[in-house]
């Protein structure tokens, strides 16, 4: 079993997040694998991001991702800072660099 994360995945995740923050929905969805394409349209992606921005204000920046390998996926968990809230962007990438999963999660504070 391959346990090595996808090379360059931190930069890939940052690029996806920057595209989200700048409203480049097509650039994000073009990277989706077939299952993601079937399950999340550009309009739904835009609506989800708008909801997050509506709740927490404008995107301010991102931190260093935690990177793990699970089966045939490399998963990045990247801290996001918005004006009034912190989130984690969890993006799962296949070895062909397509996106197999994309979640924006509220960051839990302890």
PDB file of N, CA and C in Angstrom:
ATOM      1  N   UNK A   1       0.844  -1.176   0.000  1.00  0.00           N
ATOM      2  CA  UNK A   1       0.000   0.000   0.000  1.00  0.00           C
ATOM      3  C   UNK A   1       0.895   1.248   0.000  1.00  0.00           C
ATOM      4  N   UNK A   2       0.560   2.193  -0.851  1.00  0.00           N
ATOM      5  CA  UNK A   2       1.293   3.438  -0.963  1.00  0.00           C
ATOM      6  C   UNK A   2       0.954   4.342   0.229  1.00  0.00           C
ATOM      7  N   UNK A   3       1.959   4.772   0.977  1.00  0.00           N
ATOM      8  CA  UNK A   3       1.734   5.665   2.113  1.00  0.00           C
ATOM      9  C   UNK A   3       2.350   7.046   1.882  1.00  0.00           C
ATOM     10  N   UNK A   4       2.871   7.275   0.683  1.00  0.00           N
ATOM     11  CA  UNK A   4       3.500   8.546   0.361  1.00  0.00           C
ATOM     12  C   UNK A   4       2.460   9.524  -0.177  1.00  0.00           C
ATOM     13  N   UNK A   5       2.337  10.705   0.457  1.00  0.00           N
ATOM     14  CA  UNK A   5       1.386  11.703  -0.056  1.00  0.00           C
ATOM     15  C   UNK A   5       1.749  12.147  -1.470  1.00  0.00           C
ATOM     16  N   UNK A   6       0.768  12.613  -2.169  1.00  0.00           N
ATOM     17  CA  UNK A   6       0.935  13.134  -3.520  1.00  0.00           C
ATOM     18  C   UNK A   6       1.932  14.294  -3.502  1.00  0.00           C
ATOM     19  N   UNK A   7       2.960  14.263  -4.355  1.00  0.00           N
ATOM     20  CA  UNK A   7       3.931  15.358  -4.393  1.00  0.00           C
ATOM     21  C   UNK A   7       3.253  16.687  -4.765  1.00  0.00           C
ATOM     22  N   UNK A   8       3.647  17.755  -4.084  1.00  0.00           N
ATOM     23  CA  UNK A   8       3.116  19.085  -4.395  1.00  0.00           C
ATOM     24  C   UNK A   8       1.690  19.322  -3.943  1.00  0.00           C
ATOM     25  N   UNK A   9       1.171  18.459  -3.074  1.00  0.00           N
ATOM     26  CA  UNK A   9      -0.241  18.558  -2.704  1.00  0.00           C
ATOM     27  C   UNK A   9      -0.544  19.803  -1.864  1.00  0.00           C
ATOM     28  N   UNK A  10       0.413  20.292  -1.078  1.00  0.00           N
ATOM     29  CA  UNK A  10       0.164  21.501  -0.290  1.00  0.00           C
ATOM     30  C   UNK A  10      -0.106  22.687  -1.209  1.00  0.00           C
ATOM     31  N   UNK A  11       0.684  22.807  -2.262  1.00  0.00           N
ATOM     32  CA  UNK A  11       0.491  23.887  -3.230  1.00  0.00           C
ATOM     33  C   UNK A  11      -0.803  23.703  -4.002  1.00  0.00           C
ATOM     34  N   UNK A  12      -1.130  22.462  -4.321  1.00  0.00           N
ATOM     35  CA  UNK A  12      -2.370  22.162  -5.028  1.00  0.00           C
ATOM     36  C   UNK A  12      -3.578  22.569  -4.187  1.00  0.00           C
ATOM     37  N   UNK A  13      -3.553  22.218  -2.910  1.00  0.00           N
ATOM     38  CA  UNK A  13      -4.648  22.594  -2.006  1.00  0.00           C
ATOM     39  C   UNK A  13      -4.759  24.109  -1.886  1.00  0.00           C
ATOM     40  N   UNK A  14      -3.623  24.789  -1.744  1.00  0.00           N
ATOM     41  CA  UNK A  14      -3.640  26.248  -1.636  1.00  0.00           C
ATOM     42  C   UNK A  14      -4.239  26.880  -2.885  1.00  0.00           C
ATOM     43  N   UNK A  15      -3.925  26.333  -4.046  1.00  0.00           N
ATOM     44  CA  UNK A  15      -4.468  26.842  -5.303  1.00  0.00           C
ATOM     45  C   UNK A  15      -5.987  26.690  -5.349  1.00  0.00           C
ATOM     46  N   UNK A  16      -6.490  25.529  -4.919  1.00  0.00           N
ATOM     47  CA  UNK A  16      -7.936  25.299  -4.889  1.00  0.00           C
ATOM     48  C   UNK A  16      -8.600  26.294  -3.942  1.00  0.00           C
ATOM     49  N   UNK A  17      -8.011  26.511  -2.774  1.00  0.00           N
ATOM     50  CA  UNK A  17      -8.582  27.435  -1.792  1.00  0.00           C
ATOM     51  C   UNK A  17      -8.581  28.862  -2.330  1.00  0.00           C
ATOM     52  N   UNK A  18      -7.502  29.266  -2.963  1.00  0.00           N
ATOM     53  CA  UNK A  18      -7.449  30.614  -3.559  1.00  0.00           C
ATOM     54  C   UNK A  18      -8.508  30.769  -4.646  1.00  0.00           C
ATOM     55  N   UNK A  19      -8.724  29.714  -5.438  1.00  0.00           N
ATOM     56  CA  UNK A  19      -9.773  29.757  -6.457  1.00  0.00           C
ATOM     57  C   UNK A  19     -11.152  29.890  -5.811  1.00  0.00           C
ATOM     58  N   UNK A  20     -11.384  29.181  -4.715  1.00  0.00           N
ATOM     59  CA  UNK A  20     -12.653  29.321  -3.999  1.00  0.00           C
ATOM     60  C   UNK A  20     -12.836  30.749  -3.507  1.00  0.00           C
ATOM     61  N   UNK A  21     -11.804  31.271  -2.868  1.00  0.00           N
ATOM     62  CA  UNK A  21     -11.895  32.605  -2.276  1.00  0.00           C
ATOM     63  C   UNK A  21     -12.106  33.698  -3.321  1.00  0.00           C
ATOM     64  N   UNK A  22     -11.642  33.455  -4.544  1.00  0.00           N
ATOM     65  CA  UNK A  22     -11.799  34.461  -5.602  1.00  0.00           C
ATOM     66  C   UNK A  22     -12.964  34.161  -6.539  1.00  0.00           C
ATOM     67  N   UNK A  23     -13.781  33.164  -6.175  1.00  0.00           N
ATOM     68  CA  UNK A  23     -14.985  32.879  -6.962  1.00  0.00           C
ATOM     69  C   UNK A  23     -14.731  32.215  -8.303  1.00  0.00           C
ATOM     70  N   UNK A  24     -13.619  31.522  -8.427  1.00  0.00           N
ATOM     71  CA  UNK A  24     -13.274  30.832  -9.678  1.00  0.00           C
ATOM     72  C   UNK A  24     -13.875  29.425  -9.664  1.00  0.00           C
ATOM     73  N   UNK A  25     -15.202  29.337  -9.676  1.00  0.00           N
ATOM     74  CA  UNK A  25     -15.904  28.053  -9.516  1.00  0.00           C
ATOM     75  C   UNK A  25     -15.527  27.063 -10.602  1.00  0.00           C
ATOM     76  N   UNK A  26     -15.421  27.523 -11.837  1.00  0.00           N
ATOM     77  CA  UNK A  26     -15.085  26.621 -12.943  1.00  0.00           C
ATOM     78  C   UNK A  26     -13.702  26.017 -12.749  1.00  0.00           C
ATOM     79  N   UNK A  27     -12.758  26.812 -12.296  1.00  0.00           N
ATOM     80  CA  UNK A  27     -11.395  26.299 -12.082  1.00  0.00           C
ATOM     81  C   UNK A  27     -11.381  25.211 -11.018  1.00  0.00           C
ATOM     82  N   UNK A  28     -12.277  25.335 -10.025  1.00  0.00           N
ATOM     83  CA  UNK A  28     -12.353  24.307  -8.985  1.00  0.00           C
ATOM     84  C   UNK A  28     -13.044  23.062  -9.535  1.00  0.00           C
ATOM     85  N   UNK A  29     -14.218  23.242 -10.131  1.00  0.00           N
ATOM     86  CA  UNK A  29     -14.991  22.069 -10.570  1.00  0.00           C
ATOM     87  C   UNK A  29     -14.315  21.319 -11.717  1.00  0.00           C
ATOM     88  N   UNK A  30     -13.485  21.989 -12.495  1.00  0.00           N
ATOM     89  CA  UNK A  30     -12.740  21.295 -13.561  1.00  0.00           C
ATOM     90  C   UNK A  30     -11.768  20.266 -12.985  1.00  0.00           C
ATOM     91  N   UNK A  31     -11.417  20.412 -11.717  1.00  0.00           N
ATOM     92  CA  UNK A  31     -10.487  19.485 -11.075  1.00  0.00           C
ATOM     93  C   UNK A  31     -11.206  18.325 -10.387  1.00  0.00           C
ATOM     94  N   UNK A  32     -12.543  18.353 -10.365  1.00  0.00           N
ATOM     95  CA  UNK A  32     -13.305  17.294  -9.710  1.00  0.00           C
ATOM     96  C   UNK A  32     -13.172  15.971 -10.450  1.00  0.00           C
ATOM     97  N   UNK A  33     -13.163  14.877  -9.692  1.00  0.00           N
ATOM     98  CA  UNK A  33     -13.259  13.562 -10.315  1.00  0.00           C
ATOM     99  C   UNK A  33     -14.728  13.358 -10.721  1.00  0.00           C
ATOM    100  N   UNK A  34     -15.050  12.292 -11.469  1.00  0.00           N
ATOM    101  CA  UNK A  34     -16.425  12.115 -11.951  1.00  0.00           C
ATOM    102  C   UNK A  34     -17.482  12.104 -10.843  1.00  0.00           C
ATOM    103  N   UNK A  35     -17.198  11.485  -9.717  1.00  0.00           N
ATOM    104  CA  UNK A  35     -18.184  11.447  -8.631  1.00  0.00           C
ATOM    105  C   UNK A  35     -18.458  12.843  -8.079  1.00  0.00           C
ATOM    106  N   UNK A  36     -17.417  13.630  -7.903  1.00  0.00           N
ATOM    107  CA  UNK A  36     -17.597  14.995  -7.417  1.00  0.00           C
ATOM    108  C   UNK A  36     -18.366  15.832  -8.439  1.00  0.00           C
ATOM    109  N   UNK A  37     -18.041  15.648  -9.709  1.00  0.00           N
ATOM    110  CA  UNK A  37     -18.732  16.390 -10.766  1.00  0.00           C
ATOM    111  C   UNK A  37     -20.225  16.092 -10.750  1.00  0.00           C
ATOM    112  N   UNK A  38     -20.559  14.817 -10.517  1.00  0.00           N
ATOM    113  CA  UNK A  38     -21.968  14.415 -10.468  1.00  0.00           C
ATOM    114  C   UNK A  38     -22.665  14.946  -9.216  1.00  0.00           C
ATOM    115  N   UNK A  39     -21.911  15.148  -8.134  1.00  0.00           N
ATOM    116  CA  UNK A  39     -22.524  15.490  -6.858  1.00  0.00           C
ATOM    117  C   UNK A  39     -22.516  16.955  -6.478  1.00  0.00           C
ATOM    118  N   UNK A  40     -21.665  17.770  -7.122  1.00  0.00           N
ATOM    119  CA  UNK A  40     -21.553  19.173  -6.712  1.00  0.00           C
ATOM    120  C   UNK A  40     -21.371  20.060  -7.939  1.00  0.00           C
ATOM    121  N   UNK A  41     -22.395  20.826  -8.247  1.00  0.00           N
ATOM    122  CA  UNK A  41     -22.343  21.724  -9.402  1.00  0.00           C
ATOM    123  C   UNK A  41     -21.612  23.018  -9.039  1.00  0.00           C
ATOM    124  N   UNK A  42     -21.260  23.783 -10.054  1.00  0.00           N
ATOM    125  CA  UNK A  42     -20.652  25.093  -9.818  1.00  0.00           C
ATOM    126  C   UNK A  42     -21.573  25.968  -8.988  1.00  0.00           C
ATOM    127  N   UNK A  43     -22.872  25.953  -9.319  1.00  0.00           N
ATOM    128  CA  UNK A  43     -23.833  26.778  -8.582  1.00  0.00           C
ATOM    129  C   UNK A  43     -23.913  26.377  -7.114  1.00  0.00           C
ATOM    130  N   UNK A  44     -23.901  25.076  -6.842  1.00  0.00           N
ATOM    131  CA  UNK A  44     -23.965  24.608  -5.458  1.00  0.00           C
ATOM    132  C   UNK A  44     -22.683  24.958  -4.712  1.00  0.00           C
ATOM    133  N   UNK A  45     -21.547  24.872  -5.383  1.00  0.00           N
ATOM    134  CA  UNK A  45     -20.276  25.254  -4.779  1.00  0.00           C
ATOM    135  C   UNK A  45     -20.285  26.745  -4.440  1.00  0.00           C
ATOM    136  N   UNK A  46     -20.733  27.554  -5.377  1.00  0.00           N
ATOM    137  CA  UNK A  46     -20.805  29.005  -5.150  1.00  0.00           C
ATOM    138  C   UNK A  46     -21.750  29.325  -3.990  1.00  0.00           C
ATOM    139  N   UNK A  47     -22.879  28.644  -3.921  1.00  0.00           N
ATOM    140  CA  UNK A  47     -23.844  28.881  -2.849  1.00  0.00           C
ATOM    141  C   UNK A  47     -23.272  28.491  -1.491  1.00  0.00           C
ATOM    142  N   UNK A  48     -22.548  27.386  -1.443  1.00  0.00           N
ATOM    143  CA  UNK A  48     -21.950  26.944  -0.188  1.00  0.00           C
ATOM    144  C   UNK A  48     -20.898  27.951   0.283  1.00  0.00           C
ATOM    145  N   UNK A  49     -20.057  28.421  -0.629  1.00  0.00           N
ATOM    146  CA  UNK A  49     -19.043  29.406  -0.249  1.00  0.00           C
ATOM    147  C   UNK A  49     -19.716  30.710   0.200  1.00  0.00           C
ATOM    148  N   UNK A  50     -20.765  31.124  -0.505  1.00  0.00           N
ATOM    149  CA  UNK A  50     -21.491  32.344  -0.128  1.00  0.00           C
ATOM    150  C   UNK A  50     -22.085  32.223   1.268  1.00  0.00           C
ATOM    151  N   UNK A  51     -22.560  31.055   1.619  1.00  0.00           N
ATOM    152  CA  UNK A  51     -23.110  30.838   2.955  1.00  0.00           C
ATOM    153  C   UNK A  51     -22.016  31.004   4.018  1.00  0.00           C
ATOM    154  N   UNK A  52     -20.853  30.440   3.776  1.00  0.00           N
ATOM    155  CA  UNK A  52     -19.742  30.560   4.720  1.00  0.00           C
ATOM    156  C   UNK A  52     -19.324  32.023   4.877  1.00  0.00           C
ATOM    157  N   UNK A  53     -19.190  32.725   3.760  1.00  0.00           N
ATOM    158  CA  UNK A  53     -18.805  34.138   3.798  1.00  0.00           C
ATOM    159  C   UNK A  53     -19.905  34.966   4.482  1.00  0.00           C
ATOM    160  N   UNK A  54     -21.160  34.607   4.245  1.00  0.00           N
ATOM    161  CA  UNK A  54     -22.262  35.304   4.899  1.00  0.00           C
ATOM    162  C   UNK A  54     -22.230  35.146   6.407  1.00  0.00           C
ATOM    163  N   UNK A  55     -21.803  33.988   6.868  1.00  0.00           N
ATOM    164  CA  UNK A  55     -21.729  33.729   8.306  1.00  0.00           C
ATOM    165  C   UNK A  55     -20.474  34.317   8.945  1.00  0.00           C
ATOM    166  N   UNK A  56     -19.369  34.303   8.220  1.00  0.00           N
ATOM    167  CA  UNK A  56     -18.083  34.591   8.850  1.00  0.00           C
ATOM    168  C   UNK A  56     -17.279  35.703   8.201  1.00  0.00           C
ATOM    169  N   UNK A  57     -17.814  36.359   7.196  1.00  0.00           N
ATOM    170  CA  UNK A  57     -17.095  37.461   6.570  1.00  0.00           C
ATOM    171  C   UNK A  57     -16.096  37.008   5.527  1.00  0.00           C
ATOM    172  N   UNK A  58     -15.327  37.956   5.060  1.00  0.00           N
ATOM    173  CA  UNK A  58     -14.404  37.717   3.948  1.00  0.00           C
ATOM    174  C   UNK A  58     -13.248  36.795   4.336  1.00  0.00           C
ATOM    175  N   UNK A  59     -12.774  36.082   3.340  1.00  0.00           N
ATOM    176  CA  UNK A  59     -11.596  35.224   3.478  1.00  0.00           C
ATOM    177  C   UNK A  59     -10.381  36.103   3.737  1.00  0.00           C
ATOM    178  N   UNK A  60      -9.582  35.728   4.751  1.00  0.00           N
ATOM    179  CA  UNK A  60      -8.397  36.511   5.082  1.00  0.00           C
ATOM    180  C   UNK A  60      -7.091  35.779   4.817  1.00  0.00           C
ATOM    181  N   UNK A  61      -7.113  34.439   4.851  1.00  0.00           N
ATOM    182  CA  UNK A  61      -5.871  33.732   4.583  1.00  0.00           C
ATOM    183  C   UNK A  61      -5.947  32.270   4.971  1.00  0.00           C
ATOM    184  N   UNK A  62      -4.855  31.580   4.706  1.00  0.00           N
ATOM    185  CA  UNK A  62      -4.795  30.159   5.005  1.00  0.00           C
ATOM    186  C   UNK A  62      -3.482  29.824   5.682  1.00  0.00           C
ATOM    187  N   UNK A  63      -3.506  28.719   6.423  1.00  0.00           N
ATOM    188  CA  UNK A  63      -2.314  28.255   7.135  1.00  0.00           C
ATOM    189  C   UNK A  63      -1.693  27.066   6.443  1.00  0.00           C
ATOM    190  N   UNK A  64      -0.733  26.466   7.110  1.00  0.00           N
ATOM    191  CA  UNK A  64      -0.052  25.285   6.592  1.00  0.00           C
ATOM    192  C   UNK A  64      -0.952  24.064   6.749  1.00  0.00           C
ATOM    193  N   UNK A  65      -1.089  23.274   5.686  1.00  0.00           N
ATOM    194  CA  UNK A  65      -1.971  22.109   5.774  1.00  0.00           C
ATOM    195  C   UNK A  65      -1.333  20.938   6.514  1.00  0.00           C
ATOM    196  N   UNK A  66      -2.190  20.145   7.140  1.00  0.00           N
ATOM    197  CA  UNK A  66      -1.794  18.822   7.602  1.00  0.00           C
ATOM    198  C   UNK A  66      -2.085  17.892   6.434  1.00  0.00           C
ATOM    199  N   UNK A  67      -1.150  17.003   6.129  1.00  0.00           N
ATOM    200  CA  UNK A  67      -1.277  16.132   4.960  1.00  0.00           C
ATOM    201  C   UNK A  67      -1.173  14.684   5.417  1.00  0.00           C
ATOM    202  N   UNK A  68      -2.147  13.876   4.986  1.00  0.00           N
ATOM    203  CA  UNK A  68      -2.122  12.449   5.292  1.00  0.00           C
ATOM    204  C   UNK A  68      -2.474  11.658   4.042  1.00  0.00           C
ATOM    205  N   UNK A  69      -2.098  10.408   4.078  1.00  0.00           N
ATOM    206  CA  UNK A  69      -2.435   9.483   2.992  1.00  0.00           C
ATOM    207  C   UNK A  69      -3.405   8.459   3.557  1.00  0.00           C
ATOM    208  N   UNK A  70      -4.516   8.223   2.860  1.00  0.00           N
ATOM    209  CA  UNK A  70      -5.506   7.220   3.264  1.00  0.00           C
ATOM    210  C   UNK A  70      -5.899   6.426   2.023  1.00  0.00           C
ATOM    211  N   UNK A  71      -5.417   5.190   1.939  1.00  0.00           N
ATOM    212  CA  UNK A  71      -5.720   4.375   0.758  1.00  0.00           C
ATOM    213  C   UNK A  71      -5.151   5.021  -0.484  1.00  0.00           C
ATOM    214  N   UNK A  72      -6.021   5.271  -1.476  1.00  0.00           N
ATOM    215  CA  UNK A  72      -5.557   5.866  -2.725  1.00  0.00           C
ATOM    216  C   UNK A  72      -5.764   7.380  -2.766  1.00  0.00           C
ATOM    217  N   UNK A  73      -5.957   8.009  -1.595  1.00  0.00           N
ATOM    218  CA  UNK A  73      -6.182   9.453  -1.523  1.00  0.00           C
ATOM    219  C   UNK A  73      -5.125  10.131  -0.658  1.00  0.00           C
ATOM    220  N   UNK A  74      -4.798  11.356  -1.028  1.00  0.00           N
ATOM    221  CA  UNK A  74      -4.017  12.237  -0.167  1.00  0.00           C
ATOM    222  C   UNK A  74      -4.984  13.294   0.330  1.00  0.00           C
ATOM    223  N   UNK A  75      -5.034  13.465   1.656  1.00  0.00           N
ATOM    224  CA  UNK A  75      -5.994  14.374   2.270  1.00  0.00           C
ATOM    225  C   UNK A  75      -5.250  15.538   2.896  1.00  0.00           C
ATOM    226  N   UNK A  76      -5.712  16.748   2.552  1.00  0.00           N
ATOM    227  CA  UNK A  76      -5.147  17.954   3.147  1.00  0.00           C
ATOM    228  C   UNK A  76      -6.190  18.586   4.058  1.00  0.00           C
ATOM    229  N   UNK A  77      -5.755  19.029   5.216  1.00  0.00           N
ATOM    230  CA  UNK A  77      -6.578  19.793   6.150  1.00  0.00           C
ATOM    231  C   UNK A  77      -5.881  21.134   6.342  1.00  0.00           C
ATOM    232  N   UNK A  78      -6.427  22.169   5.686  1.00  0.00           N
ATOM    233  CA  UNK A  78      -5.793  23.479   5.671  1.00  0.00           C
ATOM    234  C   UNK A  78      -6.598  24.465   6.503  1.00  0.00           C
ATOM    235  N   UNK A  79      -5.966  25.091   7.517  1.00  0.00           N
ATOM    236  CA  UNK A  79      -6.671  26.106   8.302  1.00  0.00           C
ATOM    237  C   UNK A  79      -7.015  27.323   7.439  1.00  0.00           C
ATOM    238  N   UNK A  80      -8.246  27.813   7.584  1.00  0.00           N
ATOM    239  CA  UNK A  80      -8.703  29.014   6.886  1.00  0.00           C
ATOM    240  C   UNK A  80      -9.082  30.062   7.918  1.00  0.00           C
ATOM    241  N   UNK A  81      -8.741  31.306   7.633  1.00  0.00           N
ATOM    242  CA  UNK A  81      -9.157  32.416   8.490  1.00  0.00           C
ATOM    243  C   UNK A  81     -10.096  33.315   7.703  1.00  0.00           C
ATOM    244  N   UNK A  82     -11.274  33.560   8.291  1.00  0.00           N
ATOM    245  CA  UNK A  82     -12.210  34.528   7.753  1.00  0.00           C
ATOM    246  C   UNK A  82     -12.367  35.619   8.807  1.00  0.00           C
ATOM    247  N   UNK A  83     -12.979  36.733   8.443  1.00  0.00           N
ATOM    248  CA  UNK A  83     -13.083  37.874   9.357  1.00  0.00           C
ATOM    249  C   UNK A  83     -13.608  37.487  10.741  1.00  0.00           C
ATOM    250  N   UNK A  84     -14.633  36.649  10.775  1.00  0.00           N
ATOM    251  CA  UNK A  84     -15.279  36.353  12.052  1.00  0.00           C
ATOM    252  C   UNK A  84     -15.379  34.856  12.332  1.00  0.00           C
ATOM    253  N   UNK A  85     -14.467  34.078  11.778  1.00  0.00           N
ATOM    254  CA  UNK A  85     -14.525  32.648  12.042  1.00  0.00           C
ATOM    255  C   UNK A  85     -13.360  31.903  11.423  1.00  0.00           C
ATOM    256  N   UNK A  86     -13.059  30.756  12.007  1.00  0.00           N
ATOM    257  CA  UNK A  86     -11.984  29.909  11.505  1.00  0.00           C
ATOM    258  C   UNK A  86     -12.560  28.585  11.024  1.00  0.00           C
ATOM    259  N   UNK A  87     -12.027  28.103   9.929  1.00  0.00           N
ATOM    260  CA  UNK A  87     -12.495  26.878   9.291  1.00  0.00           C
ATOM    261  C   UNK A  87     -11.299  26.013   8.917  1.00  0.00           C
ATOM    262  N   UNK A  88     -11.605  24.805   8.483  1.00  0.00           N
ATOM    263  CA  UNK A  88     -10.616  23.915   7.903  1.00  0.00           C
ATOM    264  C   UNK A  88     -11.135  23.476   6.544  1.00  0.00           C
ATOM    265  N   UNK A  89     -10.302  23.627   5.535  1.00  0.00           N
ATOM    266  CA  UNK A  89     -10.628  23.111   4.202  1.00  0.00           C
ATOM    267  C   UNK A  89     -10.039  21.713   4.109  1.00  0.00           C
ATOM    268  N   UNK A  90     -10.899  20.705   4.043  1.00  0.00           N
ATOM    269  CA  UNK A  90     -10.453  19.319   3.886  1.00  0.00           C
ATOM    270  C   UNK A  90     -10.663  18.938   2.425  1.00  0.00           C
ATOM    271  N   UNK A  91      -9.557  18.702   1.733  1.00  0.00           N
ATOM    272  CA  UNK A  91      -9.617  18.347   0.313  1.00  0.00           C
ATOM    273  C   UNK A  91      -8.904  17.018   0.125  1.00  0.00           C
ATOM    274  N   UNK A  92      -9.589  16.088  -0.518  1.00  0.00           N
ATOM    275  CA  UNK A  92      -9.014  14.779  -0.824  1.00  0.00           C
ATOM    276  C   UNK A  92      -8.666  14.734  -2.312  1.00  0.00           C
ATOM    277  N   UNK A  93      -7.427  14.386  -2.596  1.00  0.00           N
ATOM    278  CA  UNK A  93      -6.936  14.326  -3.971  1.00  0.00           C
ATOM    279  C   UNK A  93      -6.602  12.888  -4.352  1.00  0.00           C
ATOM    280  N   UNK A  94      -6.958  12.531  -5.573  1.00  0.00           N
ATOM    281  CA  UNK A  94      -6.529  11.256  -6.146  1.00  0.00           C
ATOM    282  C   UNK A  94      -5.109  11.429  -6.695  1.00  0.00           C
ATOM    283  N   UNK A  95      -4.461  10.329  -7.006  1.00  0.00           N
ATOM    284  CA  UNK A  95      -3.097  10.388  -7.523  1.00  0.00           C
ATOM    285  C   UNK A  95      -3.011  11.091  -8.878  1.00  0.00           C
ATOM    286  N   UNK A  96      -4.120  11.176  -9.608  1.00  0.00           N
ATOM    287  CA  UNK A  96      -4.114  11.909 -10.877  1.00  0.00           C
ATOM    288  C   UNK A  96      -4.376  13.406 -10.668  1.00  0.00           C
ATOM    289  N   UNK A  97      -4.377  13.837  -9.379  1.00  0.00           N
ATOM    290  CA  UNK A  97      -4.531  15.232  -8.970  1.00  0.00           C
ATOM    291  C   UNK A  97      -5.961  15.747  -9.081  1.00  0.00           C
ATOM    292  N   UNK A  98      -6.925  14.862  -9.312  1.00  0.00           N
ATOM    293  CA  UNK A  98      -8.320  15.290  -9.297  1.00  0.00           C
ATOM    294  C   UNK A  98      -8.817  15.317  -7.850  1.00  0.00           C
ATOM    295  N   UNK A  99      -9.861  16.100  -7.634  1.00  0.00           N
ATOM    296  CA  UNK A  99     -10.445  16.261  -6.305  1.00  0.00           C
ATOM    297  C   UNK A  99     -11.525  15.210  -6.093  1.00  0.00           C
ATOM    298  N   UNK A 100     -11.357  14.404  -5.050  1.00  0.00           N
ATOM    299  CA  UNK A 100     -12.322  13.352  -4.713  1.00  0.00           C
ATOM    300  C   UNK A 100     -13.230  13.760  -3.559  1.00  0.00           C
ATOM    301  N   UNK A 101     -12.869  14.830  -2.855  1.00  0.00           N
ATOM    302  CA  UNK A 101     -13.675  15.308  -1.737  1.00  0.00           C
ATOM    303  C   UNK A 101     -13.286  16.733  -1.390  1.00  0.00           C
ATOM    304  N   UNK A 102     -14.286  17.537  -1.039  1.00  0.00           N
ATOM    305  CA  UNK A 102     -14.052  18.940  -0.687  1.00  0.00           C
ATOM    306  C   UNK A 102     -15.041  19.325   0.400  1.00  0.00           C
ATOM    307  N   UNK A 103     -14.513  19.648   1.568  1.00  0.00           N
ATOM    308  CA  UNK A 103     -15.359  20.020   2.707  1.00  0.00           C
ATOM    309  C   UNK A 103     -14.768  21.252   3.377  1.00  0.00           C
ATOM    310  N   UNK A 104     -15.621  22.169   3.764  1.00  0.00           N
ATOM    311  CA  UNK A 104     -15.211  23.313   4.568  1.00  0.00           C
ATOM    312  C   UNK A 104     -15.854  23.107   5.936  1.00  0.00           C
ATOM    313  N   UNK A 105     -15.031  22.894   6.944  1.00  0.00           N
ATOM    314  CA  UNK A 105     -15.494  22.534   8.277  1.00  0.00           C
ATOM    315  C   UNK A 105     -15.189  23.660   9.260  1.00  0.00           C
ATOM    316  N   UNK A 106     -16.122  23.905  10.178  1.00  0.00           N
ATOM    317  CA  UNK A 106     -15.840  24.864  11.242  1.00  0.00           C
ATOM    318  C   UNK A 106     -14.708  24.308  12.093  1.00  0.00           C
ATOM    319  N   UNK A 107     -13.757  25.152  12.406  1.00  0.00           N
ATOM    320  CA  UNK A 107     -12.639  24.712  13.235  1.00  0.00           C
ATOM    321  C   UNK A 107     -13.096  24.731  14.679  1.00  0.00           C
ATOM    322  N   UNK A 108     -12.872  23.624  15.346  1.00  0.00           N
ATOM    323  CA  UNK A 108     -13.252  23.503  16.749  1.00  0.00           C
ATOM    324  C   UNK A 108     -12.182  24.124  17.625  1.00  0.00           C
ATOM    325  N   UNK A 109     -12.606  24.927  18.575  1.00  0.00           N
ATOM    326  CA  UNK A 109     -11.654  25.480  19.537  1.00  0.00           C
ATOM    327  C   UNK A 109     -11.772  24.714  20.832  1.00  0.00           C
ATOM    328  N   UNK A 110     -10.625  24.481  21.456  1.00  0.00           N
ATOM    329  CA  UNK A 110     -10.660  23.687  22.698  1.00  0.00           C
ATOM    330  C   UNK A 110     -10.543  24.550  23.920  1.00  0.00           C
TER     331      UNK A 110
END
